[in-house]
Amino acid sequence: MTVPKSSREIAAHLRRQIQDGLLAPGDQLPTRAELRDRYGVARQTAYAALNILREEGLVSTRAGIGCFVRDRAPRVRLVRRPVASSQLTDDEPLLQSFTAADAEEWLADVTTSRRIAVAGPELGAELGIGEHEEVLLRVRTMMDDGVIVALVNSCFPRSITRGTVIEDEDTGEGGVFARLKELGYPATRHIERVISGLATEAETAQLQLGPLLPSILRIHRLTLGHDQRVLGAIHITALAERFELLYELPVTS
């Protein structure tokens, strides 16, 4: 492996360690002297590498001690009734949230694939079902001007979707949640966690990015129905610089 020599190369090497969890929140980064010895560079080069990470918000400095990986806790937003703006009445206030159906109004090129899979332990726990139960996975690739700007992975328990139009390619006007409401599963609340950061290697491949590492928004959303039952989970990976295009929806209160 080529040993990083420039400040940007050293910063990229350390950034990757942070992204991969080798340097966890609270861990101390090597000092400037240690970086100088490790990479064989001048102290000012080591200082510049740490400063790059500091400007990116990945690390913070404790005077007289050193640089430490910052704890980038997700922001949590609670969103009420997911009703389309065309269906709003004076009695149904709404703070709207980003959905794959919403994005289709903004993007000309949206492709959808779907498949049936076994939930597994992690997704099963998220959906509140057994790990051996089946789920419907709907994956949407959203493009603008030939560039992938977002990937949307939607997951639903098959105990709800089996044999319904939700498992078709076209779910009809209003999307999945309109169909869920018709089936007697009205959505009452969204819980979204939005985390920002630099793209990982996997995200770089999925979004077909170049060598530069852009900022990524990772949105994890659970949709709840009555009795706090989880109706579905949506995982969105989006280019932060293009996200205003996807999220520019009317807000009614």
Foldseek 3Di string as FASTA:
>chain_A
DDQDEALQSVLVVVQQCDVVVVADFFRFDDALVVVCVVRVYDSVRSVSNVVVCVVQVQWDADPPPHIGGHDQFWDKDKWWFADDPVPDDPVDAGFHDFDPVLQVVLAVDKDKDKDKDFCADPSCVVQVHDRRFIKIWMWMFTDHPRFGFKIKIKIFGCVQVPPACLNPRDSDPPHDQVVCVVVVFHWTIKMKIKGKDWDHPVRCVVRVHDPDTAMKIWIWMFTAGPPRRTGMIMIMIGGPVCCCSRTVDDHGD
